[in-house]
C-alpha atoms as a PDB file:
ATOM      1  CA  MET A   1     -10.791 -11.970  43.564  1.00  0.00           C
ATOM      2  CA  ALA A   2     -11.776  -8.827  45.384  1.00  0.00           C
ATOM      3  CA  GLY A   3     -11.139  -6.761  42.236  1.00  0.00           C
ATOM      4  CA  ALA A   4     -13.275  -9.102  40.124  1.00  0.00           C
ATOM      5  CA  PHE A   5     -16.043  -9.010  42.748  1.00  0.00           C
ATOM      6  CA  GLY A   6     -15.920  -5.201  42.724  1.00  0.00           C
ATOM      7  CA  ALA A   7     -15.884  -4.955  38.956  1.00  0.00           C
ATOM      8  CA  HIS A   8     -18.640  -7.453  38.284  1.00  0.00           C
ATOM      9  CA  GLY A   9     -20.527  -8.142  41.464  1.00  0.00           C
ATOM     10  CA  LEU A  10     -20.963  -4.577  42.725  1.00  0.00           C
ATOM     11  CA  ARG A  11     -21.739  -2.852  39.473  1.00  0.00           C
ATOM     12  CA  GLY A  12     -25.289  -1.587  39.725  1.00  0.00           C
ATOM     13  CA  VAL A  13     -25.408  -2.414  43.425  1.00  0.00           C
ATOM     14  CA  VAL A  14     -23.298   0.433  44.724  1.00  0.00           C
ATOM     15  CA  SER A  15     -22.695   3.959  43.386  1.00  0.00           C
ATOM     16  CA  GLU A  16     -19.854   4.836  41.015  1.00  0.00           C
ATOM     17  CA  ARG A  17     -18.103   6.501  43.968  1.00  0.00           C
ATOM     18  CA  GLY A  18     -18.538   3.262  45.948  1.00  0.00           C
ATOM     19  CA  LEU A  19     -16.916   1.358  43.083  1.00  0.00           C
ATOM     20  CA  GLU A  20     -13.990   3.798  43.081  1.00  0.00           C
ATOM     21  CA  VAL A  21     -13.530   3.475  46.844  1.00  0.00           C
ATOM     22  CA  PHE A  22     -13.709  -0.359  46.552  1.00  0.00           C
ATOM     23  CA  GLN A  23     -11.113  -0.293  43.756  1.00  0.00           C
ATOM     24  CA  THR A  24      -8.832   1.867  45.934  1.00  0.00           C
ATOM     25  CA  ALA A  25      -9.090  -0.693  48.722  1.00  0.00           C
ATOM     26  CA  VAL A  26      -8.289  -3.537  46.271  1.00  0.00           C
ATOM     27  CA  THR A  27      -5.300  -1.662  44.839  1.00  0.00           C
ATOM     28  CA  TYR A  28      -3.734  -0.869  48.166  1.00  0.00           C
ATOM     29  CA  GLN A  29      -4.348  -4.409  49.445  1.00  0.00           C
ATOM     30  CA  MET A  30      -2.624  -5.807  46.369  1.00  0.00           C
ATOM     31  CA  TYR A  31       0.404  -3.506  46.475  1.00  0.00           C
ATOM     32  CA  HIS A  32       0.942  -4.110  50.159  1.00  0.00           C
ATOM     33  CA  SER A  33       0.484  -7.842  49.820  1.00  0.00           C
ATOM     34  CA  LEU A  34       3.375  -7.646  47.361  1.00  0.00           C
ATOM     35  CA  ALA A  35       5.254  -5.565  49.926  1.00  0.00           C
ATOM     36  CA  LEU A  36       4.816  -8.379  52.455  1.00  0.00           C
ATOM     37  CA  ILE A  37       6.334 -10.790  49.931  1.00  0.00           C
ATOM     38  CA  LEU A  38       9.230  -8.332  49.328  1.00  0.00           C
ATOM     39  CA  VAL A  39       9.831  -8.103  53.084  1.00  0.00           C
ATOM     40  CA  SER A  40       9.809 -11.896  53.331  1.00  0.00           C
ATOM     41  CA  LEU A  41      12.423 -12.101  50.521  1.00  0.00           C
ATOM     42  CA  LEU A  42      14.527  -9.311  52.064  1.00  0.00           C
ATOM     43  CA  SER A  43      14.532 -11.142  55.429  1.00  0.00           C
ATOM     44  CA  GLY A  44      16.934 -13.651  53.800  1.00  0.00           C
ATOM     45  CA  THR A  45      19.464 -10.946  53.072  1.00  0.00           C
ATOM     46  CA  ALA A  46      21.839  -9.018  55.324  1.00  0.00           C
ATOM     47  CA  LEU A  47      19.205  -6.369  56.094  1.00  0.00           C
ATOM     48  CA  ASN A  48      17.990  -5.797  59.632  1.00  0.00           C
ATOM     49  CA  VAL A  49      15.496  -8.605  60.130  1.00  0.00           C
ATOM     50  CA  ARG A  50      13.997  -7.035  63.232  1.00  0.00           C
ATOM     51  CA  LEU A  51      13.068  -3.880  61.315  1.00  0.00           C
ATOM     52  CA  LEU A  52      11.712  -5.999  58.442  1.00  0.00           C
ATOM     53  CA  ASN A  53       9.555  -8.035  60.821  1.00  0.00           C
ATOM     54  CA  ILE A  54       8.159  -4.907  62.393  1.00  0.00           C
ATOM     55  CA  SER A  55       7.452  -3.493  58.942  1.00  0.00           C
ATOM     56  CA  ALA A  56       5.527  -6.675  58.056  1.00  0.00           C
ATOM     57  CA  GLY A  57       3.364  -6.065  61.110  1.00  0.00           C
ATOM     58  CA  PHE A  58       2.701  -2.518  60.048  1.00  0.00           C
ATOM     59  CA  PHE A  59       1.887  -3.618  56.484  1.00  0.00           C
ATOM     60  CA  THR A  60      -0.552  -6.224  57.789  1.00  0.00           C
ATOM     61  CA  ALA A  61      -2.235  -3.741  60.168  1.00  0.00           C
ATOM     62  CA  GLY A  62      -2.343  -1.178  57.387  1.00  0.00           C
ATOM     63  CA  ILE A  63      -4.027  -3.564  54.931  1.00  0.00           C
ATOM     64  CA  LEU A  64      -6.582  -4.564  57.524  1.00  0.00           C
ATOM     65  CA  LEU A  65      -7.298  -1.016  58.690  1.00  0.00           C
ATOM     66  CA  PHE A  66      -7.037   0.848  55.385  1.00  0.00           C
ATOM     67  CA  SER A  67      -8.498  -1.628  52.883  1.00  0.00           C
ATOM     68  CA  GLY A  68     -10.766  -3.271  55.455  1.00  0.00           C
ATOM     69  CA  SER A  69     -12.364  -0.010  56.522  1.00  0.00           C
ATOM     70  CA  LEU A  70     -12.953   0.964  52.866  1.00  0.00           C
ATOM     71  CA  TYR A  71     -14.565  -2.438  52.214  1.00  0.00           C
ATOM     72  CA  LEU A  72     -16.845  -1.929  55.187  1.00  0.00           C
ATOM     73  CA  LEU A  73     -17.784   1.542  54.100  1.00  0.00           C
ATOM     74  CA  VAL A  74     -18.744   0.356  50.607  1.00  0.00           C
ATOM     75  CA  LEU A  75     -20.419  -2.927  51.542  1.00  0.00           C
ATOM     76  CA  THR A  76     -22.313  -1.934  54.694  1.00  0.00           C
ATOM     77  CA  SER A  77     -24.230   1.032  55.970  1.00  0.00           C
ATOM     78  CA  MET A  78     -21.622   1.527  58.725  1.00  0.00           C
ATOM     79  CA  THR A  79     -20.032   4.953  58.917  1.00  0.00           C
ATOM     80  CA  TRP A  80     -17.680   4.432  61.875  1.00  0.00           C
ATOM     81  CA  PRO A  81     -14.907   2.817  59.738  1.00  0.00           C
ATOM     82  CA  GLY A  82     -14.318   6.172  57.972  1.00  0.00           C
ATOM     83  CA  PRO A  83     -11.909   7.574  60.569  1.00  0.00           C
ATOM     84  CA  VAL A  84     -10.063   4.247  60.709  1.00  0.00           C
ATOM     85  CA  THR A  85      -8.907   4.561  57.105  1.00  0.00           C
ATOM     86  CA  PRO A  86      -6.229   7.216  57.697  1.00  0.00           C
ATOM     87  CA  LEU A  87      -4.849   5.193  60.599  1.00  0.00           C
ATOM     88  CA  GLY A  88      -4.364   2.294  58.156  1.00  0.00           C
ATOM     89  CA  GLY A  89      -2.640   4.658  55.762  1.00  0.00           C
ATOM     90  CA  VAL A  90      -0.222   5.762  58.453  1.00  0.00           C
ATOM     91  CA  CYS A  91       0.518   2.049  59.210  1.00  0.00           C
ATOM     92  CA  LEU A  92       1.361   1.513  55.523  1.00  0.00           C
ATOM     93  CA  MET A  93       3.646   4.508  55.477  1.00  0.00           C
ATOM     94  CA  VAL A  94       5.403   3.376  58.668  1.00  0.00           C
ATOM     95  CA  GLY A  95       5.888  -0.009  57.056  1.00  0.00           C
ATOM     96  CA  TRP A  96       7.663   1.514  54.064  1.00  0.00           C
ATOM     97  CA  ALA A  97       9.708   3.749  56.339  1.00  0.00           C
ATOM     98  CA  LEU A  98      10.881   0.671  58.225  1.00  0.00           C
ATOM     99  CA  VAL A  99      11.847  -1.132  55.061  1.00  0.00           C
ATOM    100  CA  ILE A 100      13.891   1.915  54.047  1.00  0.00           C
ATOM    101  CA  ALA A 101      15.464   2.116  57.514  1.00  0.00           C
ATOM    102  CA  ALA A 102      16.471  -1.568  57.265  1.00  0.00           C
ATOM    103  CA  GLY A 103      18.207  -0.771  53.964  1.00  0.00           C
ATOM    104  CA  VAL A 104      19.855   2.366  55.250  1.00  0.00           C
ATOM    105  CA  LYS A 105      21.034   0.623  58.401  1.00  0.00           C
ATOM    106  CA  ARG A 106      22.560  -2.122  56.186  1.00  0.00           C
ATOM    107  CA  ALA A 107      24.182   0.497  53.911  1.00  0.00           C
ATOM    108  CA  HIS A 108      25.887   2.167  56.806  1.00  0.00           C
ATOM    109  CA  ARG A 109      27.294  -1.142  58.033  1.00  0.00           C
ATOM    110  CA  SER A 110      28.907  -1.922  54.692  1.00  0.00           C
END
């Protein structure tokens, strides 16, 4: 829905650059929402559930901070969310690192 809103509702309202930034937020939100589903599915396997749960927290924080700050930048006149965006990106990277660590830890036990 956010993508459709950006593609149709924001055209002519925000700049082309604003549309690009909004699309980036939508894309990262979608990918990492799928990552949360993946983590949920992997929790039912022999992987380290504690690491997977922590990764889900980082993915959630990353979505809120990364995509949320970009949405705020595009949709409001606020400028303070700009420095928050990289922190969200770091959260997303930590989430992926934890998913990989859960897999590696499992691989070493086998």
